[in-house]
N, C-alpha and C. Protein backbone atom coordinates (compact mmCIF):
# COMPACT_ATOMS: atom_id res chain seq x y z
N UNK A 1 28.81 -34.83 44.66
CA UNK A 1 29.02 -33.71 45.55
C UNK A 1 29.11 -32.43 44.74
N UNK A 2 28.59 -31.36 45.31
CA UNK A 2 28.56 -30.10 44.56
C UNK A 2 29.94 -29.46 44.42
N UNK A 3 30.07 -28.67 43.36
CA UNK A 3 31.25 -27.85 43.15
C UNK A 3 30.92 -26.43 43.57
N UNK A 4 31.83 -25.79 44.27
CA UNK A 4 31.68 -24.38 44.62
C UNK A 4 32.95 -23.66 44.22
N UNK A 5 32.81 -22.38 44.01
CA UNK A 5 33.97 -21.57 43.62
C UNK A 5 34.52 -20.93 44.89
N UNK A 6 35.74 -21.31 45.24
CA UNK A 6 36.42 -20.78 46.42
C UNK A 6 37.81 -20.33 46.01
N UNK A 7 38.16 -19.12 46.34
CA UNK A 7 39.49 -18.62 45.98
C UNK A 7 39.74 -18.64 44.49
N UNK A 8 38.68 -18.51 43.72
CA UNK A 8 38.81 -18.50 42.26
C UNK A 8 38.95 -19.87 41.63
N UNK A 9 38.74 -20.93 42.41
CA UNK A 9 38.90 -22.30 41.92
C UNK A 9 37.61 -23.08 42.22
N UNK A 10 37.20 -23.92 41.28
CA UNK A 10 36.05 -24.80 41.52
C UNK A 10 36.52 -25.99 42.34
N UNK A 11 35.89 -26.18 43.50
CA UNK A 11 36.30 -27.23 44.43
C UNK A 11 35.07 -28.02 44.87
N UNK A 12 35.21 -29.33 44.93
CA UNK A 12 34.14 -30.19 45.40
C UNK A 12 34.04 -30.10 46.93
N UNK A 13 32.81 -29.95 47.42
CA UNK A 13 32.57 -29.89 48.87
C UNK A 13 31.49 -30.90 49.25
N UNK A 14 31.50 -31.28 50.54
CA UNK A 14 30.45 -32.18 51.02
C UNK A 14 29.22 -31.37 51.43
N UNK A 15 28.24 -32.04 52.00
CA UNK A 15 26.97 -31.37 52.36
C UNK A 15 27.15 -30.32 53.45
N UNK A 16 28.26 -30.37 54.19
CA UNK A 16 28.52 -29.39 55.24
C UNK A 16 29.51 -28.31 54.81
N UNK A 17 29.94 -28.36 53.54
CA UNK A 17 30.85 -27.35 53.01
C UNK A 17 32.32 -27.63 53.20
N UNK A 18 32.69 -28.83 53.69
CA UNK A 18 34.09 -29.20 53.82
C UNK A 18 34.64 -29.58 52.45
N UNK A 19 35.81 -29.03 52.10
CA UNK A 19 36.35 -29.32 50.78
C UNK A 19 36.79 -30.78 50.70
N UNK A 20 36.62 -31.36 49.54
CA UNK A 20 36.94 -32.77 49.32
C UNK A 20 38.23 -32.94 48.53
N UNK A 21 38.84 -31.82 48.17
CA UNK A 21 40.08 -31.84 47.40
C UNK A 21 41.11 -30.98 48.14
N UNK A 22 41.70 -31.52 49.23
CA UNK A 22 42.59 -30.72 50.07
C UNK A 22 43.81 -30.16 49.33
N UNK A 23 44.19 -30.79 48.24
CA UNK A 23 45.34 -30.30 47.48
C UNK A 23 45.03 -28.98 46.76
N UNK A 24 43.76 -28.62 46.67
CA UNK A 24 43.38 -27.35 46.03
C UNK A 24 43.30 -26.20 47.04
N UNK A 25 43.58 -26.50 48.31
CA UNK A 25 43.51 -25.47 49.35
C UNK A 25 44.59 -24.43 49.15
N UNK A 26 44.22 -23.17 49.29
CA UNK A 26 45.14 -22.04 49.28
C UNK A 26 44.65 -21.06 50.33
N UNK A 27 45.42 -20.04 50.60
CA UNK A 27 44.97 -19.03 51.55
C UNK A 27 43.74 -18.30 51.02
N UNK A 28 43.62 -18.15 49.71
CA UNK A 28 42.43 -17.53 49.14
C UNK A 28 41.20 -18.41 49.36
N UNK A 29 41.38 -19.71 49.23
CA UNK A 29 40.29 -20.65 49.51
C UNK A 29 39.91 -20.52 50.99
N UNK A 30 40.91 -20.45 51.87
CA UNK A 30 40.65 -20.32 53.30
C UNK A 30 39.84 -19.06 53.61
N UNK A 31 40.18 -17.96 52.96
CA UNK A 31 39.45 -16.72 53.20
C UNK A 31 37.99 -16.85 52.78
N UNK A 32 37.73 -17.49 51.65
CA UNK A 32 36.35 -17.68 51.23
C UNK A 32 35.61 -18.63 52.18
N UNK A 33 36.29 -19.67 52.66
CA UNK A 33 35.67 -20.57 53.63
C UNK A 33 35.41 -19.84 54.95
N UNK A 34 36.31 -18.95 55.35
CA UNK A 34 36.13 -18.18 56.58
C UNK A 34 34.87 -17.32 56.50
N UNK A 35 34.56 -16.83 55.33
CA UNK A 35 33.34 -16.03 55.16
C UNK A 35 32.10 -16.88 55.43
N UNK A 36 32.14 -18.16 55.09
CA UNK A 36 30.98 -19.02 55.33
C UNK A 36 30.85 -19.39 56.80
N UNK A 37 31.91 -19.18 57.57
CA UNK A 37 31.93 -19.53 58.99
C UNK A 37 31.90 -18.31 59.91
N UNK A 38 31.57 -17.15 59.36
CA UNK A 38 31.57 -15.90 60.12
C UNK A 38 32.90 -15.69 60.84
N UNK A 39 33.99 -16.04 60.16
CA UNK A 39 35.34 -15.91 60.72
C UNK A 39 36.22 -15.00 59.87
N UNK A 40 35.59 -14.12 59.11
CA UNK A 40 36.31 -13.23 58.20
C UNK A 40 36.09 -11.80 58.63
N UNK A 41 37.08 -10.94 58.59
CA UNK A 41 38.45 -11.20 58.18
C UNK A 41 39.22 -11.96 59.27
N UNK A 42 40.19 -12.73 58.84
CA UNK A 42 40.97 -13.52 59.77
C UNK A 42 42.16 -12.70 60.26
N UNK A 43 42.40 -12.77 61.57
CA UNK A 43 43.56 -12.08 62.13
C UNK A 43 44.76 -13.03 62.22
N UNK A 44 45.86 -12.55 62.77
CA UNK A 44 47.08 -13.37 62.85
C UNK A 44 46.87 -14.66 63.65
N UNK A 45 46.11 -14.58 64.74
CA UNK A 45 45.85 -15.78 65.55
C UNK A 45 45.03 -16.81 64.77
N UNK A 46 44.07 -16.35 63.99
CA UNK A 46 43.27 -17.27 63.18
C UNK A 46 44.14 -17.96 62.15
N UNK A 47 45.03 -17.20 61.50
CA UNK A 47 45.94 -17.80 60.52
C UNK A 47 46.89 -18.79 61.19
N UNK A 48 47.38 -18.43 62.37
CA UNK A 48 48.27 -19.31 63.12
C UNK A 48 47.58 -20.65 63.39
N UNK A 49 46.34 -20.59 63.81
CA UNK A 49 45.57 -21.79 64.10
C UNK A 49 45.32 -22.62 62.84
N UNK A 50 44.93 -21.97 61.76
CA UNK A 50 44.66 -22.66 60.50
C UNK A 50 45.93 -23.33 59.98
N UNK A 51 47.04 -22.64 60.04
CA UNK A 51 48.30 -23.22 59.54
C UNK A 51 48.74 -24.39 60.42
N UNK A 52 48.52 -24.28 61.73
CA UNK A 52 48.84 -25.39 62.63
C UNK A 52 47.98 -26.61 62.30
N UNK A 53 46.68 -26.40 62.11
CA UNK A 53 45.78 -27.50 61.77
C UNK A 53 46.20 -28.18 60.48
N UNK A 54 46.54 -27.39 59.47
CA UNK A 54 46.97 -27.97 58.19
C UNK A 54 48.24 -28.79 58.34
N UNK A 55 49.22 -28.23 59.03
CA UNK A 55 50.49 -28.93 59.20
C UNK A 55 50.28 -30.24 59.97
N UNK A 56 49.50 -30.17 61.06
CA UNK A 56 49.26 -31.37 61.85
C UNK A 56 48.56 -32.43 61.00
N UNK A 57 47.56 -32.00 60.23
CA UNK A 57 46.84 -32.94 59.38
C UNK A 57 47.76 -33.55 58.32
N UNK A 58 48.58 -32.74 57.70
CA UNK A 58 49.49 -33.26 56.67
C UNK A 58 50.53 -34.21 57.28
N UNK A 59 50.95 -33.94 58.52
CA UNK A 59 51.93 -34.80 59.18
C UNK A 59 51.33 -36.11 59.69
N UNK A 60 50.09 -36.06 60.21
CA UNK A 60 49.52 -37.21 60.91
C UNK A 60 48.24 -37.78 60.30
N UNK A 61 47.66 -37.07 59.34
CA UNK A 61 46.46 -37.58 58.66
C UNK A 61 45.17 -37.43 59.44
N UNK A 62 45.21 -36.74 60.57
CA UNK A 62 44.02 -36.47 61.37
C UNK A 62 44.13 -35.06 61.95
N UNK A 63 43.02 -34.56 62.46
CA UNK A 63 43.04 -33.28 63.17
C UNK A 63 43.55 -33.52 64.59
N UNK A 64 44.23 -32.53 65.17
CA UNK A 64 44.76 -32.72 66.52
C UNK A 64 43.66 -32.70 67.58
N UNK A 65 43.91 -33.34 68.73
CA UNK A 65 42.97 -33.24 69.84
C UNK A 65 42.88 -31.79 70.32
N UNK A 66 41.75 -31.41 70.87
CA UNK A 66 41.51 -30.03 71.28
C UNK A 66 42.53 -29.55 72.30
N UNK A 67 42.90 -30.40 73.25
CA UNK A 67 43.89 -30.00 74.26
C UNK A 67 45.23 -29.64 73.61
N UNK A 68 45.63 -30.43 72.65
CA UNK A 68 46.89 -30.17 71.95
C UNK A 68 46.77 -28.87 71.15
N UNK A 69 45.63 -28.68 70.52
CA UNK A 69 45.41 -27.49 69.71
C UNK A 69 45.57 -26.22 70.55
N UNK A 70 44.95 -26.21 71.72
CA UNK A 70 45.03 -25.02 72.56
C UNK A 70 46.43 -24.86 73.16
N UNK A 71 47.01 -25.95 73.64
CA UNK A 71 48.32 -25.89 74.29
C UNK A 71 49.42 -25.49 73.31
N UNK A 72 49.45 -26.11 72.15
CA UNK A 72 50.50 -25.85 71.18
C UNK A 72 50.44 -24.44 70.59
N UNK A 73 49.25 -23.84 70.60
CA UNK A 73 49.09 -22.51 70.01
C UNK A 73 48.96 -21.40 71.04
N UNK A 74 48.86 -21.78 72.32
CA UNK A 74 48.73 -20.77 73.37
C UNK A 74 47.44 -19.97 73.27
N UNK A 75 46.40 -20.60 72.71
CA UNK A 75 45.11 -19.93 72.55
C UNK A 75 44.07 -20.60 73.42
N UNK A 76 43.33 -19.81 74.16
CA UNK A 76 42.25 -20.28 75.01
C UNK A 76 41.09 -20.77 74.14
N UNK A 77 40.41 -21.82 74.57
CA UNK A 77 39.30 -22.37 73.79
C UNK A 77 38.20 -21.33 73.55
N UNK A 78 37.92 -20.51 74.55
CA UNK A 78 36.91 -19.47 74.37
C UNK A 78 37.31 -18.50 73.26
N UNK A 79 38.60 -18.20 73.21
CA UNK A 79 39.10 -17.31 72.17
C UNK A 79 38.99 -17.96 70.79
N UNK A 80 39.26 -19.26 70.72
CA UNK A 80 39.13 -19.97 69.45
C UNK A 80 37.68 -19.87 68.95
N UNK A 81 36.72 -19.97 69.88
CA UNK A 81 35.32 -19.82 69.49
C UNK A 81 35.00 -18.39 69.05
N UNK A 82 35.75 -17.41 69.55
CA UNK A 82 35.56 -16.04 69.06
C UNK A 82 36.10 -15.92 67.63
N UNK A 83 37.23 -16.57 67.38
CA UNK A 83 37.82 -16.53 66.04
C UNK A 83 36.98 -17.32 65.03
N UNK A 84 36.51 -18.48 65.48
CA UNK A 84 35.72 -19.39 64.64
C UNK A 84 34.46 -19.76 65.39
N UNK A 85 33.38 -18.99 65.22
CA UNK A 85 32.15 -19.23 65.97
C UNK A 85 31.62 -20.66 65.85
N UNK A 86 31.93 -21.34 64.77
CA UNK A 86 31.51 -22.73 64.62
C UNK A 86 32.37 -23.69 65.42
N UNK A 87 33.42 -23.17 66.06
CA UNK A 87 34.29 -23.99 66.89
C UNK A 87 35.50 -24.52 66.13
N UNK A 88 36.37 -25.22 66.85
CA UNK A 88 37.58 -25.72 66.22
C UNK A 88 37.32 -26.81 65.18
N UNK A 89 36.30 -27.62 65.37
CA UNK A 89 36.05 -28.71 64.42
C UNK A 89 35.33 -28.18 63.18
N UNK A 90 34.15 -27.64 63.37
CA UNK A 90 33.37 -27.20 62.22
C UNK A 90 33.99 -25.98 61.55
N UNK A 91 34.37 -25.00 62.34
CA UNK A 91 34.87 -23.76 61.76
C UNK A 91 36.32 -23.79 61.34
N UNK A 92 37.21 -23.98 62.30
CA UNK A 92 38.64 -23.89 62.01
C UNK A 92 39.10 -25.00 61.07
N UNK A 93 38.64 -26.23 61.29
CA UNK A 93 39.07 -27.32 60.41
C UNK A 93 38.57 -27.12 58.98
N UNK A 94 37.35 -26.59 58.85
CA UNK A 94 36.82 -26.33 57.52
C UNK A 94 37.68 -25.29 56.80
N UNK A 95 37.98 -24.20 57.50
CA UNK A 95 38.78 -23.13 56.90
C UNK A 95 40.18 -23.63 56.54
N UNK A 96 40.70 -24.55 57.35
CA UNK A 96 42.03 -25.11 57.10
C UNK A 96 42.04 -26.13 55.96
N UNK A 97 40.87 -26.46 55.44
CA UNK A 97 40.81 -27.39 54.32
C UNK A 97 40.90 -28.85 54.72
N UNK A 98 40.65 -29.14 55.99
CA UNK A 98 40.68 -30.52 56.46
C UNK A 98 39.35 -31.18 56.19
N UNK A 99 39.33 -32.51 56.13
CA UNK A 99 38.05 -33.21 56.02
C UNK A 99 37.26 -33.01 57.31
N UNK A 100 35.98 -33.23 57.23
CA UNK A 100 35.12 -33.10 58.41
C UNK A 100 35.63 -34.07 59.50
N UNK A 101 35.98 -33.53 60.68
CA UNK A 101 36.49 -34.38 61.75
C UNK A 101 35.41 -35.36 62.23
N UNK A 102 35.85 -36.56 62.56
CA UNK A 102 34.91 -37.57 63.05
C UNK A 102 34.85 -37.58 64.56
N UNK A 103 35.91 -37.10 65.21
CA UNK A 103 35.94 -37.09 66.67
C UNK A 103 35.87 -35.68 67.20
N UNK A 104 36.30 -35.55 68.42
CA UNK A 104 36.29 -34.25 69.09
C UNK A 104 37.62 -33.57 68.88
N UNK A 105 37.63 -32.49 68.15
CA UNK A 105 38.87 -31.75 67.89
C UNK A 105 39.03 -30.71 68.97
């Protein structure tokens, strides 16, 4: 897998750009990933969503279901697509440093 420089650190990514070393994730890494997803600059709601995704993943080992994501954050799905044009799975999960989701996030 290729190495890319994100947030000043060389990180292994898969063919879709998802980082393979989640322990190397930082907010600087997230900002560089957001640029690849047309989600930069990130506003407070985008950071809220990214931090929620990371915490949920660290607690449960998977990305949360989309209904939980919207309900727990008080963000409409259409708005999430405005923040992350690639959507909650491809865009937001990638920026949060999660592995590529296998189901519907």
